[in-house]
N, C-alpha and C. Protein backbone atom coordinates (compact mmCIF):
# COMPACT_ATOMS: atom_id res chain seq x y z
N MET A 1 106.10 -70.27 120.09
CA MET A 1 106.78 -69.13 120.21
C MET A 1 107.36 -68.07 119.56
N THR A 2 106.91 -68.27 118.22
CA THR A 2 107.54 -67.49 116.93
C THR A 2 105.58 -66.63 116.80
N LYS A 3 104.67 -67.58 117.28
CA LYS A 3 103.22 -66.70 116.91
C LYS A 3 103.53 -65.73 118.23
N ILE A 4 103.87 -65.71 119.04
CA ILE A 4 103.85 -64.59 120.40
C ILE A 4 104.83 -63.63 119.73
N LEU A 5 106.24 -63.70 118.99
CA LEU A 5 107.14 -63.10 118.60
C LEU A 5 105.81 -61.90 117.52
N SER A 6 105.70 -62.85 116.61
CA SER A 6 105.25 -62.09 115.56
C SER A 6 103.98 -61.09 116.04
N LEU A 7 103.30 -61.67 116.95
CA LEU A 7 102.28 -61.11 117.50
C LEU A 7 102.77 -59.59 118.03
N GLY A 8 103.96 -59.95 118.78
CA GLY A 8 104.52 -58.79 119.60
C GLY A 8 105.18 -57.92 118.51
N HIS A 9 105.34 -58.29 117.31
CA HIS A 9 105.94 -57.66 116.82
C HIS A 9 104.79 -56.99 116.13
N PHE A 10 103.61 -57.40 115.50
CA PHE A 10 102.43 -56.75 115.00
C PHE A 10 101.82 -55.99 115.71
N ILE A 11 101.86 -55.89 117.51
CA ILE A 11 101.49 -54.98 118.09
C ILE A 11 102.15 -53.80 118.13
N LEU A 12 103.89 -54.04 118.08
CA LEU A 12 104.23 -52.71 118.22
C LEU A 12 104.30 -52.49 116.81
N GLU A 13 104.37 -52.76 115.58
CA GLU A 13 104.12 -52.21 114.28
C GLU A 13 102.91 -51.09 114.47
N SER A 14 102.13 -51.73 115.02
CA SER A 14 100.81 -51.02 114.98
C SER A 14 101.05 -49.72 115.68
N PHE A 15 101.22 -49.87 116.94
CA PHE A 15 101.76 -48.83 117.67
C PHE A 15 102.38 -47.37 117.15
N ILE A 16 103.43 -47.90 116.21
CA ILE A 16 104.10 -46.82 115.88
C ILE A 16 103.77 -46.40 114.72
N PHE A 17 102.45 -47.17 114.00
CA PHE A 17 101.68 -46.34 112.58
C PHE A 17 101.02 -45.47 113.59
N ILE A 18 100.41 -45.33 114.51
CA ILE A 18 99.21 -44.40 114.76
C ILE A 18 99.77 -43.14 114.83
N PRO A 19 100.81 -42.68 114.85
CA PRO A 19 100.96 -41.03 114.77
C PRO A 19 100.73 -40.70 113.34
N GLU A 20 101.01 -41.89 112.50
CA GLU A 20 100.82 -41.77 110.73
C GLU A 20 99.11 -41.65 110.60
N LEU A 21 98.72 -42.45 110.96
CA LEU A 21 97.22 -42.50 110.84
C LEU A 21 96.56 -41.68 111.49
N ILE A 22 97.08 -40.47 112.32
CA ILE A 22 96.60 -39.28 113.26
C ILE A 22 96.69 -38.60 112.27
N LEU A 23 98.26 -38.14 111.56
CA LEU A 23 98.24 -37.05 110.95
C LEU A 23 97.81 -37.36 109.99
N GLY A 24 97.43 -38.24 109.06
CA GLY A 24 96.56 -39.13 108.00
C GLY A 24 95.14 -38.24 108.16
N TRP A 25 94.71 -38.34 109.05
CA TRP A 25 93.01 -37.91 109.44
C TRP A 25 93.00 -36.40 109.53
N VAL A 26 93.80 -35.92 110.23
CA VAL A 26 94.17 -34.53 110.20
C VAL A 26 93.96 -33.64 109.04
N TYR A 27 94.85 -34.24 108.15
CA TYR A 27 95.14 -33.90 106.93
C TYR A 27 93.68 -33.89 106.10
N LEU A 28 92.91 -35.35 105.94
CA LEU A 28 91.92 -35.51 105.60
C LEU A 28 90.50 -34.27 105.94
N VAL A 29 90.71 -34.10 107.18
CA VAL A 29 89.62 -33.39 107.97
C VAL A 29 89.82 -31.78 107.30
N LYS A 30 91.32 -31.38 107.38
CA LYS A 30 91.28 -29.94 106.98
C LYS A 30 91.07 -30.05 105.55
N LYS A 31 91.53 -30.99 104.59
CA LYS A 31 90.81 -31.21 103.33
C LYS A 31 89.33 -30.67 103.16
N ILE A 32 89.10 -31.53 104.07
CA ILE A 32 87.40 -31.34 103.75
C ILE A 32 86.75 -29.80 104.46
N PHE A 33 87.72 -29.01 105.26
CA PHE A 33 86.94 -28.30 106.09
C PHE A 33 87.71 -26.97 104.70
N VAL A 34 88.55 -27.04 104.48
CA VAL A 34 89.08 -25.70 103.25
C VAL A 34 88.09 -26.08 101.95
N SER A 35 87.98 -27.54 101.77
CA SER A 35 86.83 -27.22 100.55
C SER A 35 85.65 -26.69 100.73
N LEU A 36 85.25 -27.30 102.18
CA LEU A 36 83.59 -26.69 102.34
C LEU A 36 83.75 -25.37 102.63
N PHE A 37 84.76 -24.59 102.99
CA PHE A 37 85.31 -23.36 103.12
C PHE A 37 84.91 -22.38 101.98
N ILE A 38 85.51 -23.16 100.65
CA ILE A 38 85.78 -22.45 98.86
C ILE A 38 84.28 -22.97 98.70
N TYR A 39 83.70 -24.01 99.37
CA TYR A 39 82.39 -24.25 98.95
C TYR A 39 81.23 -23.28 99.04
N TRP A 40 81.51 -22.68 100.37
CA TRP A 40 80.84 -21.66 101.32
C TRP A 40 80.61 -20.06 100.63
N LYS A 41 82.32 -19.74 100.23
CA LYS A 41 82.67 -18.73 100.29
C LYS A 41 81.78 -17.95 98.74
N GLY A 42 82.04 -19.47 97.54
CA GLY A 42 81.08 -19.40 96.39
C GLY A 42 79.58 -19.31 96.35
N LYS A 43 78.82 -19.02 97.61
CA LYS A 43 77.54 -19.17 97.47
C LYS A 43 77.44 -18.09 97.29
N ILE A 44 75.50 -17.97 96.92
CA ILE A 44 74.41 -16.29 96.97
C ILE A 44 74.49 -16.53 98.41
N LEU A 45 73.80 -15.52 99.21
CA LEU A 45 73.35 -15.63 100.46
C LEU A 45 72.30 -16.27 100.45
N PHE A 46 71.39 -16.20 99.64
CA PHE A 46 69.55 -17.30 99.72
C PHE A 46 70.54 -18.81 99.85
N ASP A 47 71.48 -18.96 99.08
CA ASP A 47 71.76 -20.47 98.95
C ASP A 47 72.78 -20.59 100.53
N LYS A 48 73.50 -19.63 101.37
CA LYS A 48 73.80 -20.02 102.28
C LYS A 48 72.54 -20.24 102.94
N LEU A 49 71.67 -19.32 103.34
CA LEU A 49 70.52 -19.38 104.51
C LEU A 49 69.76 -20.98 103.80
N PHE A 50 69.41 -20.92 102.87
CA PHE A 50 68.72 -22.36 102.51
C PHE A 50 69.74 -23.29 103.46
N PHE A 51 71.06 -23.17 103.02
CA PHE A 51 72.36 -24.88 103.71
C PHE A 51 71.72 -24.44 104.93
N LEU A 52 71.96 -23.61 105.49
CA LEU A 52 71.39 -23.42 106.88
C LEU A 52 70.15 -24.02 107.40
N ALA A 53 69.56 -23.54 107.07
CA ALA A 53 67.77 -24.01 106.98
C ALA A 53 67.84 -25.86 106.93
N LEU A 54 68.50 -26.21 105.71
CA LEU A 54 68.24 -27.79 105.41
C LEU A 54 69.04 -28.45 106.93
N LEU A 55 70.25 -27.69 107.29
CA LEU A 55 71.04 -28.18 108.20
C LEU A 55 70.09 -28.32 109.48
N VAL A 56 69.74 -26.89 109.93
CA VAL A 56 68.59 -27.62 111.38
C VAL A 56 67.38 -28.15 110.95
N GLN A 57 66.69 -28.14 110.07
CA GLN A 57 65.75 -29.31 109.78
C GLN A 57 66.47 -30.80 109.93
N MET A 58 67.58 -30.84 109.06
CA MET A 58 67.79 -32.28 109.41
C MET A 58 68.33 -32.79 110.82
N LEU A 59 68.87 -31.84 111.52
CA LEU A 59 69.37 -31.74 112.98
C LEU A 59 67.78 -31.99 113.87
N PHE A 60 66.66 -31.32 113.67
CA PHE A 60 65.72 -31.19 114.23
C PHE A 60 64.83 -32.71 113.80
N SER A 61 64.87 -33.33 112.86
CA SER A 61 64.08 -34.34 112.59
C SER A 61 64.76 -35.39 113.41
N LEU A 62 66.38 -35.53 114.30
CA LEU A 62 66.94 -36.20 114.28
C LEU A 62 66.12 -36.73 115.99
N MET A 63 65.81 -35.21 116.40
CA MET A 63 65.60 -35.01 118.08
C MET A 63 63.67 -35.61 118.71
N PRO A 64 63.74 -35.90 119.56
CA PRO A 64 62.62 -36.15 120.44
C PRO A 64 61.73 -35.08 120.19
N TRP A 65 60.18 -35.31 119.46
CA TRP A 65 59.01 -34.16 119.54
C TRP A 65 58.37 -33.74 120.69
N PHE A 66 58.44 -34.89 121.44
CA PHE A 66 56.90 -35.35 122.18
C PHE A 66 57.76 -35.83 123.40
N GLN A 67 56.97 -35.41 124.72
CA GLN A 67 57.14 -36.27 126.22
C GLN A 67 56.10 -36.19 126.41
N TYR A 68 56.04 -37.51 127.77
CA TYR A 68 55.02 -37.57 128.63
C TYR A 68 55.17 -38.33 130.18
N GLN A 69 54.72 -38.31 130.61
CA GLN A 69 55.45 -38.55 132.32
C GLN A 69 54.75 -39.33 132.43
N ILE A 70 55.46 -40.58 133.17
CA ILE A 70 54.81 -41.76 133.99
C ILE A 70 55.19 -42.19 135.31
N GLN A 71 54.15 -42.03 135.52
CA GLN A 71 54.01 -42.49 137.48
C GLN A 71 54.39 -44.34 138.00
N PHE A 72 55.58 -44.34 138.33
CA PHE A 72 56.55 -45.58 138.99
C PHE A 72 56.03 -45.27 140.16
N TYR A 73 55.11 -45.70 141.21
CA TYR A 73 55.05 -46.11 142.71
C TYR A 73 54.99 -44.60 143.17
N ASP A 74 55.73 -44.14 143.64
CA ASP A 74 56.11 -42.79 143.99
C ASP A 74 56.96 -41.94 143.43
N VAL A 75 57.34 -42.39 142.00
CA VAL A 75 58.27 -41.73 141.31
C VAL A 75 58.03 -41.39 140.04
N LYS A 76 58.16 -40.47 139.73
CA LYS A 76 57.52 -39.91 137.98
C LYS A 76 58.65 -39.61 137.20
N GLU A 77 58.81 -40.37 135.80
CA GLU A 77 59.66 -40.61 135.14
C GLU A 77 59.05 -39.54 133.56
N SER A 78 59.67 -38.97 132.65
CA SER A 78 59.22 -38.18 131.78
C SER A 78 60.01 -39.02 131.08
N VAL A 79 59.28 -39.34 129.67
CA VAL A 79 59.60 -40.14 128.54
C VAL A 79 59.73 -39.05 126.91
N ASN A 80 60.96 -39.16 126.21
CA ASN A 80 60.76 -37.91 125.20
C ASN A 80 60.37 -39.33 123.64
N LEU A 81 59.90 -38.61 123.30
CA LEU A 81 59.05 -39.89 121.98
C LEU A 81 59.62 -38.95 120.90
N GLY A 82 60.02 -39.96 119.63
CA GLY A 82 59.70 -39.33 118.26
C GLY A 82 58.53 -39.80 117.50
N PRO A 83 58.24 -39.37 116.60
CA PRO A 83 57.26 -39.68 116.03
C PRO A 83 57.38 -41.27 115.50
N LYS A 84 56.11 -41.72 115.51
CA LYS A 84 56.16 -43.29 114.79
C LYS A 84 56.76 -43.21 113.11
N LEU A 85 56.73 -42.28 112.57
CA LEU A 85 56.93 -41.73 111.11
C LEU A 85 58.87 -41.19 110.81
N ASN A 86 59.14 -41.44 112.33
CA ASN A 86 60.21 -40.42 112.26
C ASN A 86 61.49 -41.32 111.32
N SER A 87 61.46 -41.85 110.89
CA SER A 87 62.50 -42.73 109.97
C SER A 87 62.06 -41.79 108.52
N ILE A 88 60.72 -41.67 108.46
CA ILE A 88 60.94 -40.84 107.13
C ILE A 88 61.41 -39.67 107.03
N PHE A 89 60.71 -38.89 108.23
CA PHE A 89 61.26 -37.36 108.71
C PHE A 89 62.74 -37.25 108.96
N ILE A 90 64.14 -38.19 109.02
CA ILE A 90 65.15 -37.76 109.50
C ILE A 90 65.66 -38.60 107.59
N LEU A 91 65.08 -39.24 107.08
CA LEU A 91 65.80 -39.84 105.48
C LEU A 91 65.47 -38.24 104.61
N ILE A 92 64.35 -38.13 104.61
CA ILE A 92 64.36 -36.89 104.04
C ILE A 92 64.74 -35.54 104.56
N GLY A 93 65.38 -35.58 105.51
CA GLY A 93 65.89 -34.32 106.15
C GLY A 93 67.36 -34.46 105.88
N ILE A 94 67.94 -35.66 105.95
CA ILE A 94 69.13 -36.19 105.23
C ILE A 94 69.34 -36.11 103.72
N LEU A 95 68.69 -36.57 103.16
CA LEU A 95 68.65 -36.76 101.45
C LEU A 95 68.66 -34.99 101.03
N ASN A 96 67.39 -34.67 101.48
CA ASN A 96 67.46 -33.18 101.19
C ASN A 96 68.87 -32.27 101.58
N PHE A 97 69.40 -32.24 102.96
CA PHE A 97 70.65 -31.55 102.96
C PHE A 97 71.54 -31.96 102.48
N PHE A 98 72.03 -33.34 101.76
CA PHE A 98 73.13 -33.74 100.98
C PHE A 98 72.74 -33.70 99.65
N PHE A 99 71.65 -33.49 98.86
CA PHE A 99 71.38 -33.51 97.99
C PHE A 99 71.29 -31.77 97.18
N LEU A 100 70.53 -31.23 97.98
CA LEU A 100 69.96 -29.78 97.72
C LEU A 100 71.47 -28.73 98.30
N GLY A 101 72.26 -29.60 99.21
CA GLY A 101 73.28 -27.97 100.06
C GLY A 101 74.58 -28.47 99.19
N PHE A 102 74.64 -29.39 98.30
CA PHE A 102 75.96 -29.31 98.27
C PHE A 102 75.32 -30.12 96.51
N TRP A 103 74.73 -30.25 95.97
CA TRP A 103 74.47 -30.83 94.59
C TRP A 103 73.21 -30.80 94.11
N LYS A 104 72.94 -29.84 92.95
CA LYS A 104 71.71 -29.03 92.53
C LYS A 104 71.62 -29.54 90.73
N SER A 105 70.51 -29.92 90.36
CA SER A 105 69.82 -30.12 89.14
C SER A 105 67.94 -30.17 89.19
N GLY A 106 67.92 -30.05 87.88
CA GLY A 106 66.47 -29.88 87.57
C GLY A 106 65.83 -31.03 88.49
N TRP A 107 65.68 -32.22 88.01
CA TRP A 107 65.33 -33.04 89.62
C TRP A 107 65.13 -32.72 91.02
N THR A 108 66.41 -32.33 91.60
CA THR A 108 66.35 -32.36 92.44
C THR A 108 65.35 -31.24 93.48
N ARG A 109 65.34 -30.54 92.21
CA ARG A 109 64.22 -29.14 92.97
C ARG A 109 62.61 -29.86 93.09
N ILE A 110 62.58 -30.86 92.15
CA ILE A 110 61.02 -31.35 92.13
C ILE A 110 61.20 -32.62 93.36
N TRP A 111 62.41 -32.88 93.46
CA TRP A 111 62.47 -33.76 94.75
C TRP A 111 62.08 -33.30 96.07
N PHE A 112 63.02 -32.02 95.73
CA PHE A 112 62.70 -31.24 97.30
C PHE A 112 61.47 -30.36 97.35
N PHE A 113 60.63 -29.77 96.76
CA PHE A 113 59.16 -29.26 96.57
C PHE A 113 58.57 -30.70 97.23
N ALA A 114 58.56 -31.61 96.59
CA ALA A 114 57.53 -32.81 96.83
C ALA A 114 57.53 -33.19 98.25
N THR A 115 59.13 -33.28 98.66
CA THR A 115 59.38 -34.14 99.73
C THR A 115 58.85 -32.84 101.05
N GLU A 116 59.30 -32.00 100.63
CA GLU A 116 58.97 -30.71 101.66
C GLU A 116 57.18 -30.51 101.82
N LEU A 117 56.56 -30.54 101.12
CA LEU A 117 55.34 -30.95 101.02
C LEU A 117 54.85 -31.78 101.73
N VAL A 118 55.21 -32.82 101.41
CA VAL A 118 54.45 -34.32 102.27
C VAL A 118 55.19 -33.85 103.80
N CYS A 119 56.29 -33.67 104.11
CA CYS A 119 56.73 -33.48 105.34
C CYS A 119 56.00 -32.48 105.62
N ILE A 120 55.22 -31.59 105.21
CA ILE A 120 54.81 -30.25 106.17
C ILE A 120 53.05 -30.53 106.39
N ILE A 121 52.86 -31.34 104.95
CA ILE A 121 51.47 -32.20 105.41
C ILE A 121 51.45 -33.09 106.68
N PHE A 122 51.88 -33.88 106.36
CA PHE A 122 52.24 -34.95 107.80
C PHE A 122 52.44 -34.53 108.99
N VAL A 123 53.45 -33.54 109.26
CA VAL A 123 53.39 -32.75 110.86
C VAL A 123 52.37 -32.00 111.13
N LEU A 124 51.78 -31.19 110.01
CA LEU A 124 50.46 -30.61 110.20
C LEU A 124 49.11 -31.35 110.87
N TRP A 125 49.10 -32.72 109.71
CA TRP A 125 48.29 -33.23 110.18
C TRP A 125 48.03 -34.47 111.42
N GLY A 126 49.88 -34.68 111.75
CA GLY A 126 50.03 -35.36 112.88
C GLY A 126 49.67 -34.16 114.25
N TYR A 127 49.51 -32.86 113.79
CA TYR A 127 49.82 -31.98 114.95
C TYR A 127 48.00 -32.12 115.37
N LEU A 128 47.26 -32.18 114.20
CA LEU A 128 45.62 -31.88 114.39
C LEU A 128 45.05 -33.98 114.60
N GLU A 129 45.90 -34.76 114.49
CA GLU A 129 45.56 -36.21 115.08
C GLU A 129 46.57 -36.53 115.50
N PRO A 130 47.50 -36.83 115.92
CA PRO A 130 48.45 -36.97 116.52
C PRO A 130 48.32 -38.46 117.12
N ASN A 131 47.36 -39.34 117.11
CA ASN A 131 47.35 -40.73 117.27
C ASN A 131 47.22 -41.15 115.91
N ARG A 132 47.42 -40.75 114.41
CA ARG A 132 47.31 -41.77 113.22
C ARG A 132 48.95 -41.40 113.11
N PHE A 133 49.33 -40.41 113.13
CA PHE A 133 50.85 -40.21 112.91
C PHE A 133 52.08 -40.21 113.44
N PHE A 134 51.87 -40.04 114.89
CA PHE A 134 52.96 -39.76 115.68
C PHE A 134 53.46 -41.00 116.68
N PHE A 135 52.16 -41.24 117.39
CA PHE A 135 51.85 -42.26 118.27
C PHE A 135 50.86 -42.92 118.82
N GLU A 136 50.47 -44.15 119.15
CA GLU A 136 49.59 -44.96 119.11
C GLU A 136 49.42 -45.20 120.73
N PHE A 137 50.28 -45.76 121.34
CA PHE A 137 50.11 -46.83 122.42
C PHE A 137 49.74 -45.36 123.64
N VAL A 138 49.92 -43.93 124.06
CA VAL A 138 49.76 -42.75 124.60
C VAL A 138 48.53 -42.08 124.27
N ASN A 139 47.88 -42.04 125.61
CA ASN A 139 46.68 -40.89 125.00
C ASN A 139 47.33 -39.60 124.79
N HIS A 140 46.85 -38.99 123.73
CA HIS A 140 47.17 -37.77 123.29
C HIS A 140 47.52 -36.41 124.23
N LYS A 141 46.36 -36.54 125.41
CA LYS A 141 46.11 -35.87 125.71
C LYS A 141 47.41 -35.42 127.10
N GLU A 142 47.67 -36.85 127.31
CA GLU A 142 49.36 -36.68 128.02
C GLU A 142 49.97 -36.28 127.50
N ILE A 143 50.03 -36.18 126.13
CA ILE A 143 51.55 -35.81 125.49
C ILE A 143 51.78 -34.30 125.43
N GLN A 144 52.90 -33.86 125.90
CA GLN A 144 52.93 -32.61 125.45
C GLN A 144 54.18 -32.63 124.56
N PHE A 145 53.72 -31.35 123.87
CA PHE A 145 55.15 -31.31 122.20
C PHE A 145 55.97 -30.38 123.00
N LEU A 146 57.64 -30.71 122.41
CA LEU A 146 58.00 -30.61 122.93
C LEU A 146 59.00 -29.37 122.17
N PHE A 147 59.72 -28.29 122.34
CA PHE A 147 59.83 -27.15 121.25
C PHE A 147 60.69 -27.47 120.20
N THR A 148 61.06 -28.43 119.80
CA THR A 148 61.95 -29.48 118.76
C THR A 148 60.87 -29.33 117.86
N PHE A 149 59.82 -29.98 118.13
CA PHE A 149 58.61 -30.54 117.06
C PHE A 149 58.24 -28.81 116.77
N TYR A 150 58.24 -27.79 117.30
CA TYR A 150 58.04 -26.43 116.44
C TYR A 150 58.97 -25.89 115.60
N ILE A 151 59.97 -26.03 116.85
CA ILE A 151 61.73 -25.54 115.70
C ILE A 151 61.61 -26.67 114.29
N TYR A 152 61.42 -27.62 114.44
CA TYR A 152 60.88 -28.58 113.27
C TYR A 152 60.18 -27.97 112.07
N LEU A 153 58.75 -28.24 112.50
CA LEU A 153 57.77 -27.49 111.47
C LEU A 153 58.24 -26.28 111.11
N THR A 154 58.86 -25.15 112.20
CA THR A 154 59.54 -23.97 111.47
C THR A 154 60.55 -24.02 110.49
N SER A 155 60.98 -24.96 110.81
CA SER A 155 62.45 -25.50 109.39
C SER A 155 62.13 -25.84 108.68
N LEU A 156 60.87 -26.57 108.40
CA LEU A 156 59.71 -27.15 107.17
C LEU A 156 59.53 -25.89 106.28
N LEU A 157 58.56 -25.22 107.12
CA LEU A 157 58.03 -23.49 106.38
C LEU A 157 59.16 -22.97 105.64
N VAL A 158 60.61 -22.71 106.55
CA VAL A 158 61.34 -21.81 106.33
C VAL A 158 62.07 -22.39 105.39
N THR A 159 62.77 -23.28 105.31
CA THR A 159 63.04 -23.70 104.21
C THR A 159 62.42 -24.50 103.00
N PHE A 160 61.53 -24.60 103.25
CA PHE A 160 60.43 -24.33 101.62
C PHE A 160 60.36 -23.21 101.11
N VAL A 161 60.19 -22.07 101.88
CA VAL A 161 60.29 -20.49 101.11
C VAL A 161 61.69 -20.25 100.70
N LEU A 162 62.94 -20.61 101.74
CA LEU A 162 64.15 -20.10 101.54
C LEU A 162 64.42 -20.89 99.88
N GLY A 163 63.92 -22.48 99.63
CA GLY A 163 64.50 -23.08 98.30
C GLY A 163 63.51 -22.41 97.43
N TYR A 164 62.77 -22.04 97.30
CA TYR A 164 61.52 -21.18 96.75
C TYR A 164 62.65 -19.78 96.16
N LEU A 165 63.17 -19.15 97.25
CA LEU A 165 63.55 -17.85 96.73
C LEU A 165 65.47 -18.36 96.28
N THR A 166 65.84 -19.03 96.72
CA THR A 166 67.13 -19.60 96.15
C THR A 166 66.93 -20.07 94.55
N PHE A 167 65.86 -20.52 94.17
CA PHE A 167 65.63 -21.01 92.76
C PHE A 167 65.48 -20.16 92.24
N GLN A 168 64.67 -19.05 92.69
CA GLN A 168 64.35 -18.25 91.53
C GLN A 168 65.91 -17.11 91.39
N LYS A 169 66.30 -16.67 92.66
CA LYS A 169 67.82 -16.35 92.63
C LYS A 169 68.91 -16.89 91.27
N GLU A 170 69.12 -18.27 91.71
CA GLU A 170 69.65 -19.27 90.65
C GLU A 170 69.58 -19.00 89.66
N ASP A 171 68.09 -19.39 89.09
CA ASP A 171 67.51 -18.97 87.55
C ASP A 171 68.09 -17.54 87.22
N LYS A 172 68.09 -16.47 87.69
CA LYS A 172 68.08 -15.26 87.63
C LYS A 172 69.51 -15.29 87.01
N ILE A 173 70.68 -15.67 87.73
CA ILE A 173 71.74 -15.22 87.65
C ILE A 173 72.42 -16.08 86.34
N PHE A 174 72.06 -17.81 86.48
CA PHE A 174 72.90 -18.54 85.97
C PHE A 174 72.07 -19.15 84.82
N LEU A 175 70.69 -18.59 84.48
CA LEU A 175 70.19 -18.84 83.18
C LEU A 175 70.11 -17.61 82.02
C-alpha cells in the first residue's frame, strides 16, 4: 500500500514539475536564439552567405538523391534512394556546418577545402559512374536523378567559392 502511495505521490510531483520544465526549456531556447542573433549580427556578408550555404549543403546531404520505379504486378511504386556513401556526405556536411559556421581556425580551413574537394570529386565521379559510388543493385539506366542531387552538387560548388571568398575577406579585415 505504501508503494502505491509513493508511486502516486511521485506521479503527482512529476505533473506539478511539468510547467517548470516547460519554462526551463523556453528560457533555454530563447537564450540560444538570442545568442545566434547576436552571433549573426556580428558577421560580415560573405560569412552570412557562407553559413547559409553550409546549412543548405548539410540539409541536402540528408535527403534522397535518386528515384527509381518498381513494378509489382499492376502497381508501380517509386523508391527514393541516397548514395551508398551517404554517411560520408552527411558527416562532412554536419562537421563543416558546425566547424566553419561557429568556429574558425587555421586547421578548419584546411579541413574545409580538403573535404569539399573530396565531396565534389566523389559526386562528379558518381554522376559519371553511378554504379561505383551511388548504388550497386539497380541498373543505372533505370535511375532518375532528383533535383536534390543537383541542389547538393550546386551547394558544394557555391560553398567552396563562398568559403574561399569569406576567408579572403576575413584575412583582409582581421590580419
